[in-house]
Structures are given as C-alpha cells and as structure tokens.
Amino acid sequence: MSKFKNLIFLILFSILTSCKTESKKEFLIGEFNGSWAMTSWNYKFFPNNKFEFKCLGHFGNVESNGKYIRKGDSLFLTPDSLKLVKYGVVNPLYLIDGDSCIIDALLKYDYCKTRLWSLERELNMNDSTSDSKK
C-alpha cells in the first residue's frame, strides 16, 4: 500500500510542478517596457523563444530580433546583431522580478509588463460615452 501512496504522490507532484513551469513561461510572453537615458526601451517575447527589441530616443532608433532561454529566474538573450551586446544596448542576462518585470543584470534597469490593453479599453469606453452624449 505504501508503494501505491508513493506512486500517487509522485504523479501529483509531477503534475503540479509542470503546471507551475507553464505559468512561468506564460508570464514572459508579451511586452516589457522601460524608459531611461531619454530613450524608451521595448522587449517583446514570443512563445517560440524568440524576441523583438526596439529602442527610440537618445540611443537612436534601434530594432533587433533574437532568441531567449529562460532558466529559473534568469533570462538569457542572444540578439541577431551581436553589436548590440558589444555596445551594451542589449545585455545577455536579465533577472525575472516577480510576475511583471525583468531587470538588466548589468545596468540594473527594469522593464515591466505592458498594460496597454487596459488603457486602450478605457479610451474606447470614453470615446463611446462621448459619442452617445452628442
């Protein structure tokens, strides 16, 4: 009977562990934004372990793609253009902070999840309300 209990425990533990890993991966999907040095920085992560990077401002107008690997609370980026790493525009290591931000491990700047959908929704609701008053 104890072998049966151990087997059930092992199966349940495996299921719970795999569910937790999936939710961590889902957290990373989407856009993370930050602003420093008079520049806006945008990282967009996709489920296929690819990402897009854009910055606009003092640092120029830079766009790049690349691949990422997540290991625990660490995020390793490899942009297609290694010049971005050389000049410190995109660093290779980021730390995952909670459930809404990533932090550049070298520069210590954070980039947080975009919540544009709520702003767009609010603006659309305001537009429809003003239209009904006309």
Protein backbone atom coordinates (compact mmCIF):
# COMPACT_ATOMS: atom_id res chain seq x y z
CA MET A 1 0.00 0.00 0.00
CA SER A 2 2.86 2.44 0.75
CA LYS A 3 4.25 1.91 -2.76
CA PHE A 4 0.86 2.90 -4.15
CA LYS A 5 0.78 6.07 -2.00
CA ASN A 6 4.30 6.96 -3.09
CA LEU A 7 3.35 6.48 -6.75
CA ILE A 8 0.25 8.70 -6.36
CA PHE A 9 2.32 11.35 -4.57
CA LEU A 10 4.95 11.26 -7.33
CA ILE A 11 2.31 11.63 -10.05
CA LEU A 12 0.57 14.54 -8.29
CA PHE A 13 3.90 16.25 -7.60
CA SER A 14 4.88 15.92 -11.28
CA ILE A 15 1.57 17.39 -12.43
CA LEU A 16 1.78 20.34 -10.02
CA THR A 17 5.39 21.05 -10.94
CA SER A 18 4.66 21.01 -14.68
CA CYS A 19 1.72 23.39 -14.24
CA LYS A 20 3.86 25.86 -12.33
CA THR A 21 6.53 25.82 -15.03
CA GLU A 22 3.95 26.55 -17.73
CA SER A 23 2.59 29.57 -15.85
CA LYS A 24 6.14 30.96 -15.56
CA LYS A 25 6.57 30.64 -19.32
CA GLU A 26 3.23 32.33 -19.96
CA PHE A 27 4.32 35.26 -17.77
CA LEU A 28 7.20 36.01 -20.12
CA ILE A 29 5.04 36.20 -23.24
CA GLY A 30 4.22 39.80 -24.10
CA GLU A 31 5.82 43.24 -23.95
CA PHE A 32 8.10 44.73 -21.32
CA ASN A 33 8.87 48.46 -21.39
CA GLY A 34 11.21 50.85 -19.65
CA SER A 35 12.49 54.37 -20.03
CA TRP A 36 15.92 55.74 -19.18
CA ALA A 37 18.57 58.00 -20.80
CA MET A 38 15.80 59.84 -22.65
CA THR A 39 15.04 56.59 -24.51
CA SER A 40 12.09 54.20 -24.47
CA TRP A 41 13.03 50.52 -24.46
CA ASN A 42 10.72 47.70 -25.56
CA TYR A 43 11.18 43.94 -25.39
CA LYS A 44 8.52 41.66 -26.88
CA PHE A 45 8.74 37.94 -26.10
CA PHE A 46 7.03 35.18 -28.08
CA PRO A 47 6.19 31.56 -27.10
CA ASN A 48 8.69 30.16 -29.64
CA ASN A 49 11.65 31.53 -27.59
CA LYS A 50 12.16 34.49 -29.92
CA PHE A 51 12.07 38.15 -29.02
CA GLU A 52 11.95 41.58 -30.64
CA PHE A 53 13.78 44.59 -29.25
CA LYS A 54 13.19 48.27 -30.02
CA CYS A 55 14.53 51.46 -28.56
CA LEU A 56 13.72 55.00 -29.57
CA GLY A 57 15.27 58.20 -28.26
CA HIS A 58 18.72 59.41 -27.28
CA PHE A 59 20.26 55.99 -28.01
CA GLY A 60 18.80 56.16 -31.51
CA ASN A 61 16.17 54.14 -33.28
CA VAL A 62 17.27 50.51 -32.96
CA GLU A 63 15.32 47.37 -33.81
CA SER A 64 16.53 43.80 -33.48
CA ASN A 65 15.32 40.23 -33.15
CA GLY A 66 16.86 37.33 -31.33
CA LYS A 67 16.39 34.24 -29.22
CA TYR A 68 15.98 33.80 -25.48
CA ILE A 69 16.35 31.00 -22.97
CA ARG A 70 14.76 31.01 -19.55
CA LYS A 71 16.44 29.14 -16.70
CA GLY A 72 14.69 29.60 -13.38
CA ASP A 73 14.61 33.33 -12.65
CA SER A 74 17.27 34.13 -15.25
CA LEU A 75 16.66 35.17 -18.83
CA PHE A 76 19.45 34.84 -21.41
CA LEU A 77 19.11 36.91 -24.60
CA THR A 78 21.01 36.41 -27.83
CA PRO A 79 20.20 39.19 -30.31
CA ASP A 80 20.75 38.57 -34.02
CA SER A 81 23.16 41.52 -34.03
CA LEU A 82 25.97 40.98 -31.53
CA LYS A 83 26.91 44.67 -31.94
CA LEU A 84 24.01 45.41 -29.59
CA VAL A 85 25.67 43.31 -26.89
CA LYS A 86 29.09 44.81 -27.58
CA TYR A 87 27.81 48.36 -27.09
CA GLY A 88 25.65 47.44 -24.09
CA VAL A 89 22.33 48.18 -25.77
CA VAL A 90 21.02 44.64 -25.19
CA ASN A 91 22.78 42.72 -22.45
CA PRO A 92 22.85 38.93 -22.37
CA LEU A 93 21.46 38.40 -18.84
CA TYR A 94 18.23 39.61 -17.26
CA LEU A 95 16.66 38.64 -13.95
CA ILE A 96 12.95 37.94 -13.66
CA ASP A 97 11.44 40.05 -10.89
CA GLY A 98 8.14 38.72 -9.57
CA ASP A 99 5.42 38.39 -12.15
CA SER A 100 5.67 41.68 -14.02
CA CYS A 101 9.27 42.85 -14.61
CA ILE A 102 12.67 41.85 -15.90
CA ILE A 103 15.88 43.54 -14.73
CA ASP A 104 19.03 44.04 -16.77
CA ALA A 105 21.66 42.26 -14.65
CA LEU A 106 24.46 44.63 -15.74
CA LEU A 107 22.76 48.02 -15.83
CA LYS A 108 20.12 47.32 -13.13
CA TYR A 109 17.31 48.97 -15.14
CA ASP A 110 13.93 47.29 -15.08
CA TYR A 111 11.42 46.71 -17.85
CA CYS A 112 7.86 45.91 -16.86
CA LYS A 113 4.86 44.27 -18.49
CA THR A 114 2.81 46.48 -20.76
CA ARG A 115 -0.72 47.13 -19.64
CA LEU A 116 -1.79 48.91 -22.83
CA TRP A 117 -4.91 46.82 -23.29
CA SER A 118 -6.46 48.39 -20.18
CA LEU A 119 -5.59 51.91 -21.34
CA GLU A 120 -6.95 51.24 -24.83
CA ARG A 121 -10.11 49.77 -23.35
CA GLU A 122 -10.58 52.80 -21.11
CA LEU A 123 -10.04 55.18 -24.03
CA ASN A 124 -12.52 53.25 -26.19
CA MET A 125 -15.09 53.36 -23.40
CA ASN A 126 -14.59 57.13 -23.04
CA ASP A 127 -14.98 57.61 -26.80
CA SER A 128 -18.23 55.64 -26.89
CA THR A 129 -19.56 57.61 -23.89
CA SER A 130 -18.75 60.97 -25.53
CA ASP A 131 -20.35 59.78 -28.80
CA SER A 132 -23.58 58.93 -27.00
CA LYS A 133 -23.74 62.46 -25.48
CA LYS A 134 -23.69 64.11 -28.93
